[in-house]
Amino acid sequence: MPLDITFTLSDRDLERFKAIVVKARSTASDQQGKADIEKAAYKIVEVAMKSDLPDFIAERLLQLKTLLEMLKDAEWNLSEEDRDRIISAMSYFADPIDLIPDHIPGIGFLDDAMFVEIIVRELRSEISAYNEFCRFREAEDDRLRDAGKDPIENREQWLGEKREELHSKIAATKSGDDEDFVFHIL
């Protein structure tokens, strides 16, 4: 039977995460640094997929995969500002000295999982819109193929309309975000 455990990160706890991110963020200032951050995030995802981590940790680490896919998806056409926000958020994973060293069996990735939870909360609008975009793209590809049409024909037009709708929704959410969650590392 599953067990729910809830805990609250104090302001002090959040400040610790924030300090690590600020330190690691300086690494993201150049292209090589951004590549290193992406590489570190991919490594975390790879470990989550291959290791026998507790489910609650593995599930959160795998959420990084969506953010990495979002960065690489040319059809999603992520703005440079949003790309930088995501890379900046993932900079925590590029710092080899995080709160709990990753090599500690069982709990080494607990802090990484907690940080993914923070990132997912910060980027929930972007993640939701991207997931909707992917579902739309797949369904439209299938619909066009089933109708005997080439999904490549007019692809940018039908994808562009959906992408613009979703990017607008993200922008509106960002400007109207009045949630009491104040970590805002991005």
Protein backbone atom coordinates (compact mmCIF):
# COMPACT_ATOMS: atom_id res chain seq x y z
CA MET A 1 0.00 0.00 0.00
CA PRO A 2 1.46 3.41 -0.97
CA LEU A 3 2.36 5.87 1.74
CA ASP A 4 2.21 9.66 1.32
CA ILE A 5 4.83 11.63 3.17
CA THR A 6 4.61 15.38 3.13
CA PHE A 7 7.25 17.79 4.29
CA THR A 8 7.72 21.49 3.97
CA LEU A 9 10.88 23.16 2.77
CA SER A 10 11.56 26.09 5.05
CA ASP A 11 12.78 29.46 3.83
CA ARG A 12 16.22 28.37 5.01
CA ASP A 13 15.99 25.16 2.99
CA LEU A 14 14.93 27.08 -0.10
CA GLU A 15 17.77 29.54 0.44
CA ARG A 16 20.24 26.64 0.42
CA PHE A 17 18.90 25.46 -2.93
CA LYS A 18 18.92 29.01 -4.20
CA ALA A 19 22.56 29.54 -3.16
CA ILE A 20 23.63 26.42 -5.03
CA VAL A 21 21.69 27.53 -8.12
CA VAL A 22 23.17 31.03 -8.03
CA LYS A 23 26.66 29.54 -7.82
CA ALA A 24 25.97 27.06 -10.62
CA ARG A 25 24.14 29.64 -12.74
CA SER A 26 27.39 31.52 -13.34
CA THR A 27 28.46 28.41 -15.26
CA ALA A 28 25.53 28.91 -17.63
CA SER A 29 26.79 32.25 -18.84
CA ASP A 30 28.54 30.83 -21.88
CA GLN A 31 27.63 28.21 -24.48
CA GLN A 32 30.02 25.58 -23.07
CA GLY A 33 28.51 26.07 -19.64
CA LYS A 34 25.01 25.59 -21.07
CA ALA A 35 26.15 22.41 -22.78
CA ASP A 36 27.63 21.17 -19.50
CA ILE A 37 24.35 21.85 -17.70
CA GLU A 38 22.37 19.95 -20.34
CA LYS A 39 24.87 17.09 -20.17
CA ALA A 40 24.54 16.94 -16.37
CA ALA A 41 20.73 16.89 -16.62
CA TYR A 42 20.87 14.10 -19.23
CA LYS A 43 23.15 12.15 -16.89
CA ILE A 44 20.60 12.49 -14.07
CA VAL A 45 17.86 11.20 -16.39
CA GLU A 46 20.08 8.31 -17.52
CA VAL A 47 20.82 7.36 -13.92
CA ALA A 48 17.12 7.51 -13.08
CA MET A 49 16.29 5.21 -15.98
CA LYS A 50 19.05 2.67 -15.23
CA SER A 51 19.26 2.67 -11.44
CA ASP A 52 17.16 0.97 -8.87
CA LEU A 53 16.19 4.25 -7.22
CA PRO A 54 13.16 4.57 -4.99
CA ASP A 55 10.13 5.28 -7.19
CA PHE A 56 9.45 8.69 -5.65
CA ILE A 57 12.97 9.79 -6.65
CA ALA A 58 13.04 8.15 -10.10
CA GLU A 59 9.64 9.59 -11.09
CA ARG A 60 10.80 13.11 -10.35
CA LEU A 61 14.17 12.74 -12.03
CA LEU A 62 12.46 11.46 -15.18
CA GLN A 63 10.47 14.71 -15.34
CA LEU A 64 13.73 16.36 -16.39
CA LYS A 65 13.41 14.42 -19.63
CA THR A 66 10.45 16.57 -20.69
CA LEU A 67 12.45 19.75 -20.10
CA LEU A 68 15.37 18.39 -22.11
CA GLU A 69 13.05 17.35 -24.93
CA MET A 70 11.52 20.83 -24.87
CA LEU A 71 14.99 22.35 -25.35
CA LYS A 72 15.80 20.08 -28.30
CA ASP A 73 12.44 20.22 -30.08
CA ALA A 74 12.93 22.56 -33.05
CA GLU A 75 9.19 22.50 -33.85
CA TRP A 76 8.36 23.83 -30.38
CA ASN A 77 10.48 26.87 -31.25
CA LEU A 78 11.39 27.84 -27.71
CA SER A 79 12.44 31.47 -27.32
CA GLU A 80 16.01 32.17 -26.22
CA GLU A 81 14.65 33.70 -23.01
CA ASP A 82 12.67 30.55 -22.16
CA ARG A 83 15.60 28.35 -23.19
CA ASP A 84 17.82 30.30 -20.79
CA ARG A 85 15.22 29.96 -18.01
CA ILE A 86 15.20 26.19 -18.38
CA ILE A 87 18.98 25.91 -18.56
CA SER A 88 19.27 28.19 -15.55
CA ALA A 89 16.81 26.03 -13.62
CA MET A 90 18.79 22.90 -14.47
CA SER A 91 22.10 24.48 -13.42
CA TYR A 92 21.68 22.81 -10.02
CA PHE A 93 22.51 19.47 -11.63
CA ALA A 94 25.83 20.72 -13.00
CA ASP A 95 27.19 21.41 -9.52
CA PRO A 96 28.99 18.28 -8.30
CA ILE A 97 28.64 19.47 -4.70
CA ASP A 98 24.91 19.49 -4.04
CA LEU A 99 23.10 19.08 -0.73
CA ILE A 100 23.27 15.28 -0.65
CA PRO A 101 26.15 13.68 -2.59
CA ASP A 102 24.74 11.55 -5.41
CA HIS A 103 26.93 8.55 -4.56
CA ILE A 104 25.13 7.87 -1.25
CA PRO A 105 22.99 4.76 -1.89
CA GLY A 106 19.24 5.19 -1.65
CA ILE A 107 19.15 8.90 -0.82
CA GLY A 108 21.91 10.45 -2.93
CA PHE A 109 19.42 11.75 -5.46
CA LEU A 110 16.81 12.88 -2.92
CA ASP A 111 17.90 16.53 -3.13
CA ASP A 112 17.90 16.30 -6.93
CA ALA A 113 14.35 14.94 -6.83
CA MET A 114 13.30 17.77 -4.52
CA PHE A 115 14.86 20.29 -6.86
CA VAL A 116 13.08 18.77 -9.86
CA GLU A 117 9.85 19.23 -7.92
CA ILE A 118 10.73 22.92 -7.50
CA ILE A 119 11.57 23.27 -11.21
CA VAL A 120 8.37 21.54 -12.27
CA ARG A 121 6.38 23.90 -10.09
CA GLU A 122 8.20 26.91 -11.53
CA LEU A 123 7.79 25.73 -15.13
CA ARG A 124 4.39 24.05 -14.90
CA SER A 125 2.82 26.32 -17.53
CA GLU A 126 5.63 25.66 -19.98
CA ILE A 127 5.57 21.90 -19.34
CA SER A 128 1.78 21.71 -19.66
CA ALA A 129 1.81 23.69 -22.91
CA TYR A 130 4.64 21.60 -24.35
CA ASN A 131 2.87 18.35 -23.46
CA GLU A 132 -0.30 19.67 -25.13
CA PHE A 133 1.75 20.63 -28.20
CA CYS A 134 3.25 17.12 -28.42
CA ARG A 135 -0.18 15.47 -28.09
CA PHE A 136 -1.60 17.79 -30.76
CA ARG A 137 1.32 17.15 -33.13
CA GLU A 138 1.04 13.39 -32.77
CA ALA A 139 -2.75 13.39 -33.19
CA GLU A 140 -2.59 15.69 -36.21
CA ASP A 141 0.14 13.55 -37.82
CA ASP A 142 -2.04 10.46 -37.31
CA ARG A 143 -5.19 12.22 -38.56
CA LEU A 144 -3.47 13.42 -41.74
CA ARG A 145 -1.91 10.02 -42.44
CA ASP A 146 -5.28 8.30 -41.88
CA ALA A 147 -6.82 10.76 -44.36
CA GLY A 148 -4.14 9.79 -46.90
CA LYS A 149 -2.39 13.15 -46.65
CA ASP A 150 1.26 13.95 -46.11
CA PRO A 151 1.75 15.37 -42.58
CA ILE A 152 4.79 17.31 -43.82
CA GLU A 153 2.66 19.35 -46.22
CA ASN A 154 1.66 22.64 -44.53
CA ARG A 155 3.22 21.32 -41.32
CA GLU A 156 4.65 24.66 -40.26
CA GLN A 157 1.29 26.33 -40.74
CA TRP A 158 -0.78 23.96 -38.59
CA LEU A 159 2.00 23.54 -36.03
CA GLY A 160 2.66 27.29 -35.99
CA GLU A 161 -0.94 28.13 -35.16
CA LYS A 162 -1.01 25.70 -32.23
CA ARG A 163 2.45 26.78 -31.06
CA GLU A 164 1.46 30.47 -31.09
CA GLU A 165 -1.71 29.70 -29.14
CA LEU A 166 0.26 27.81 -26.49
CA HIS A 167 3.13 30.32 -26.30
CA SER A 168 0.53 33.07 -25.78
CA LYS A 169 -1.06 31.04 -23.01
CA ILE A 170 2.34 30.68 -21.31
CA ALA A 171 3.01 34.42 -21.58
CA ALA A 172 -0.39 35.22 -20.08
CA THR A 173 0.24 32.80 -17.22
CA LYS A 174 3.66 34.30 -16.49
CA SER A 175 2.34 37.86 -16.39
CA GLY A 176 -0.65 36.94 -14.24
CA ASP A 177 1.14 34.59 -11.85
CA ASP A 178 0.23 35.69 -8.35
CA GLU A 179 0.88 32.40 -6.60
CA ASP A 180 2.36 32.57 -3.13
CA PHE A 181 5.25 30.31 -4.16
CA VAL A 182 8.22 32.64 -4.03
CA PHE A 183 11.26 30.51 -4.76
CA HIS A 184 11.47 31.90 -8.30
CA ILE A 185 14.97 30.82 -9.20
CA LEU A 186 14.44 31.54 -12.82
